[in-house]
Amino acid sequence: MKKAASTIAALTLASLAPQAMADTTTIDSIFAAVDLSTVTAFIGTTGVVIVGIALAVKGISLAKRLVSRA
């Protein structure tokens, strides 16, 4: 367990050392690693699906109401 912790600490320090020389911070490199276009597409698609399901459920309840009144 101690060996794994020391390995992780060494890797963390090794990965932060080149960034200390550059003008980028750790958070900048994390944001640069994430492709936001795929995240945006997923969120948009999920929103459209949720709205579609909500409209379908509402349509079914309105149809039931119309049938019961007829």
N, C-alpha and C. Protein backbone atom coordinates (compact mmCIF):
# COMPACT_ATOMS: atom_id res chain seq x y z
N MET A 1 0.82 -1.19 0.00
CA MET A 1 0.00 0.00 0.00
C MET A 1 0.87 1.26 0.00
N LYS A 2 1.94 1.23 0.81
CA LYS A 2 2.82 2.39 0.86
C LYS A 2 3.56 2.59 -0.45
N LYS A 3 3.87 1.45 -1.10
CA LYS A 3 4.58 1.55 -2.37
C LYS A 3 3.68 2.18 -3.43
N ALA A 4 2.39 1.82 -3.42
CA ALA A 4 1.45 2.39 -4.38
C ALA A 4 1.27 3.88 -4.13
N ALA A 5 1.20 4.26 -2.86
CA ALA A 5 1.03 5.68 -2.52
C ALA A 5 2.27 6.48 -2.93
N SER A 6 3.44 5.91 -2.72
CA SER A 6 4.65 6.63 -3.10
C SER A 6 4.79 6.72 -4.61
N THR A 7 4.32 5.68 -5.32
CA THR A 7 4.36 5.70 -6.78
C THR A 7 3.42 6.77 -7.31
N ILE A 8 2.22 6.84 -6.73
CA ILE A 8 1.26 7.86 -7.15
C ILE A 8 1.80 9.25 -6.87
N ALA A 9 2.41 9.43 -5.70
CA ALA A 9 2.98 10.74 -5.37
C ALA A 9 4.09 11.12 -6.34
N ALA A 10 4.92 10.15 -6.68
CA ALA A 10 6.02 10.43 -7.61
C ALA A 10 5.50 10.78 -8.99
N LEU A 11 4.48 10.04 -9.45
CA LEU A 11 3.90 10.34 -10.76
C LEU A 11 3.22 11.70 -10.77
N THR A 12 2.56 12.04 -9.67
CA THR A 12 1.91 13.35 -9.58
C THR A 12 2.94 14.47 -9.64
N LEU A 13 4.01 14.33 -8.90
CA LEU A 13 5.06 15.35 -8.92
C LEU A 13 5.73 15.43 -10.28
N ALA A 14 5.91 14.28 -10.92
CA ALA A 14 6.54 14.27 -12.23
C ALA A 14 5.64 14.92 -13.28
N SER A 15 4.33 14.75 -13.12
CA SER A 15 3.43 15.35 -14.10
C SER A 15 3.25 16.84 -13.85
N LEU A 16 3.43 17.28 -12.62
CA LEU A 16 3.27 18.70 -12.32
C LEU A 16 4.54 19.50 -12.59
N ALA A 17 5.68 18.85 -12.62
CA ALA A 17 6.94 19.55 -12.81
C ALA A 17 7.02 20.27 -14.16
N PRO A 18 6.66 19.66 -15.29
CA PRO A 18 6.72 20.39 -16.55
C PRO A 18 5.71 21.54 -16.61
N GLN A 19 4.60 21.38 -15.92
CA GLN A 19 3.61 22.44 -15.91
C GLN A 19 4.07 23.65 -15.11
N ALA A 20 4.91 23.41 -14.12
CA ALA A 20 5.41 24.52 -13.33
C ALA A 20 6.30 25.41 -14.18
N MET A 21 6.99 24.82 -15.15
CA MET A 21 7.83 25.61 -16.03
C MET A 21 7.02 26.33 -17.09
N ALA A 22 5.92 25.75 -17.48
CA ALA A 22 5.06 26.39 -18.48
C ALA A 22 4.12 27.36 -17.79
N ASP A 23 3.37 28.11 -18.60
CA ASP A 23 2.43 29.07 -18.03
C ASP A 23 1.03 28.49 -17.87
N THR A 24 0.90 27.19 -17.93
CA THR A 24 -0.41 26.56 -17.76
C THR A 24 -0.50 25.95 -16.38
N THR A 25 -1.69 25.94 -15.85
CA THR A 25 -1.91 25.32 -14.55
C THR A 25 -2.51 23.94 -14.75
N THR A 26 -2.65 23.23 -13.66
CA THR A 26 -3.22 21.88 -13.72
C THR A 26 -4.65 21.92 -14.23
N ILE A 27 -5.43 22.88 -13.77
CA ILE A 27 -6.83 22.98 -14.18
C ILE A 27 -6.93 23.29 -15.67
N ASP A 28 -5.99 24.07 -16.20
CA ASP A 28 -5.98 24.34 -17.64
C ASP A 28 -5.74 23.08 -18.45
N SER A 29 -4.84 22.24 -17.97
CA SER A 29 -4.57 21.00 -18.69
C SER A 29 -5.74 20.03 -18.61
N ILE A 30 -6.46 20.05 -17.48
CA ILE A 30 -7.65 19.19 -17.35
C ILE A 30 -8.72 19.66 -18.32
N PHE A 31 -8.97 20.96 -18.38
CA PHE A 31 -9.97 21.49 -19.30
C PHE A 31 -9.57 21.26 -20.76
N ALA A 32 -8.30 21.29 -21.03
CA ALA A 32 -7.83 21.06 -22.39
C ALA A 32 -8.00 19.59 -22.79
N ALA A 33 -7.96 18.70 -21.81
CA ALA A 33 -8.08 17.28 -22.10
C ALA A 33 -9.52 16.86 -22.36
N VAL A 34 -10.49 17.63 -21.88
CA VAL A 34 -11.91 17.28 -22.05
C VAL A 34 -12.43 17.91 -23.34
N ASP A 35 -12.99 17.08 -24.20
CA ASP A 35 -13.57 17.55 -25.44
C ASP A 35 -15.02 17.96 -25.17
N LEU A 36 -15.28 19.24 -25.10
CA LEU A 36 -16.61 19.72 -24.72
C LEU A 36 -17.64 19.56 -25.82
N SER A 37 -17.21 19.31 -27.05
CA SER A 37 -18.20 19.15 -28.12
C SER A 37 -19.00 17.87 -27.93
N THR A 38 -18.36 16.81 -27.45
CA THR A 38 -19.10 15.57 -27.20
C THR A 38 -20.00 15.71 -25.99
N VAL A 39 -19.55 16.44 -24.98
CA VAL A 39 -20.37 16.67 -23.80
C VAL A 39 -21.60 17.49 -24.18
N THR A 40 -21.42 18.50 -24.98
CA THR A 40 -22.53 19.34 -25.42
C THR A 40 -23.52 18.53 -26.25
N ALA A 41 -23.03 17.69 -27.13
CA ALA A 41 -23.91 16.86 -27.95
C ALA A 41 -24.71 15.88 -27.08
N PHE A 42 -24.06 15.30 -26.08
CA PHE A 42 -24.76 14.37 -25.20
C PHE A 42 -25.85 15.07 -24.40
N ILE A 43 -25.54 16.24 -23.87
CA ILE A 43 -26.53 16.98 -23.08
C ILE A 43 -27.71 17.41 -23.95
N GLY A 44 -27.42 17.87 -25.15
CA GLY A 44 -28.48 18.27 -26.06
C GLY A 44 -29.37 17.11 -26.45
N THR A 45 -28.77 15.98 -26.77
CA THR A 45 -29.53 14.79 -27.14
C THR A 45 -30.37 14.29 -25.97
N THR A 46 -29.81 14.30 -24.79
CA THR A 46 -30.54 13.86 -23.61
C THR A 46 -31.73 14.77 -23.34
N GLY A 47 -31.55 16.06 -23.51
CA GLY A 47 -32.65 17.01 -23.32
C GLY A 47 -33.78 16.78 -24.31
N VAL A 48 -33.43 16.52 -25.56
CA VAL A 48 -34.45 16.27 -26.58
C VAL A 48 -35.21 14.98 -26.26
N VAL A 49 -34.52 13.95 -25.81
CA VAL A 49 -35.17 12.69 -25.45
C VAL A 49 -36.11 12.89 -24.27
N ILE A 50 -35.69 13.62 -23.26
CA ILE A 50 -36.52 13.85 -22.08
C ILE A 50 -37.77 14.64 -22.45
N VAL A 51 -37.63 15.67 -23.25
CA VAL A 51 -38.79 16.45 -23.68
C VAL A 51 -39.71 15.60 -24.55
N GLY A 52 -39.16 14.77 -25.42
CA GLY A 52 -39.97 13.88 -26.25
C GLY A 52 -40.77 12.89 -25.42
N ILE A 53 -40.15 12.32 -24.41
CA ILE A 53 -40.87 11.38 -23.53
C ILE A 53 -41.97 12.11 -22.77
N ALA A 54 -41.68 13.30 -22.27
CA ALA A 54 -42.69 14.06 -21.54
C ALA A 54 -43.88 14.40 -22.43
N LEU A 55 -43.61 14.79 -23.67
CA LEU A 55 -44.71 15.10 -24.60
C LEU A 55 -45.50 13.85 -24.95
N ALA A 56 -44.85 12.72 -25.09
CA ALA A 56 -45.55 11.47 -25.40
C ALA A 56 -46.47 11.06 -24.26
N VAL A 57 -45.99 11.18 -23.03
CA VAL A 57 -46.81 10.84 -21.87
C VAL A 57 -48.00 11.78 -21.77
N LYS A 58 -47.77 13.05 -22.00
CA LYS A 58 -48.86 14.03 -21.97
C LYS A 58 -49.88 13.75 -23.07
N GLY A 59 -49.40 13.37 -24.25
CA GLY A 59 -50.29 13.03 -25.36
C GLY A 59 -51.16 11.83 -25.03
N ILE A 60 -50.58 10.83 -24.37
CA ILE A 60 -51.36 9.64 -23.99
C ILE A 60 -52.44 10.01 -22.98
N SER A 61 -52.11 10.83 -22.00
CA SER A 61 -53.11 11.21 -21.00
C SER A 61 -54.21 12.07 -21.63
N LEU A 62 -53.87 12.94 -22.59
CA LEU A 62 -54.89 13.73 -23.27
C LEU A 62 -55.79 12.84 -24.13
N ALA A 63 -55.22 11.84 -24.78
CA ALA A 63 -56.02 10.90 -25.58
C ALA A 63 -56.97 10.11 -24.70
N LYS A 64 -56.52 9.66 -23.55
CA LYS A 64 -57.39 8.93 -22.61
C LYS A 64 -58.53 9.81 -22.16
N ARG A 65 -58.25 11.07 -21.89
CA ARG A 65 -59.30 11.99 -21.45
C ARG A 65 -60.32 12.20 -22.54
N LEU A 66 -59.88 12.36 -23.78
CA LEU A 66 -60.81 12.55 -24.89
C LEU A 66 -61.67 11.30 -25.14
N VAL A 67 -61.07 10.14 -25.02
CA VAL A 67 -61.82 8.89 -25.22
C VAL A 67 -62.86 8.70 -24.12
N SER A 68 -62.50 9.02 -22.88
CA SER A 68 -63.46 8.85 -21.78
C SER A 68 -64.62 9.84 -21.88
N ARG A 69 -64.43 10.99 -22.47
CA ARG A 69 -65.51 11.98 -22.63
C ARG A 69 -66.42 11.63 -23.81
N ALA A 70 -65.93 10.86 -24.76
CA ALA A 70 -66.73 10.55 -25.95
C ALA A 70 -67.78 9.48 -25.71
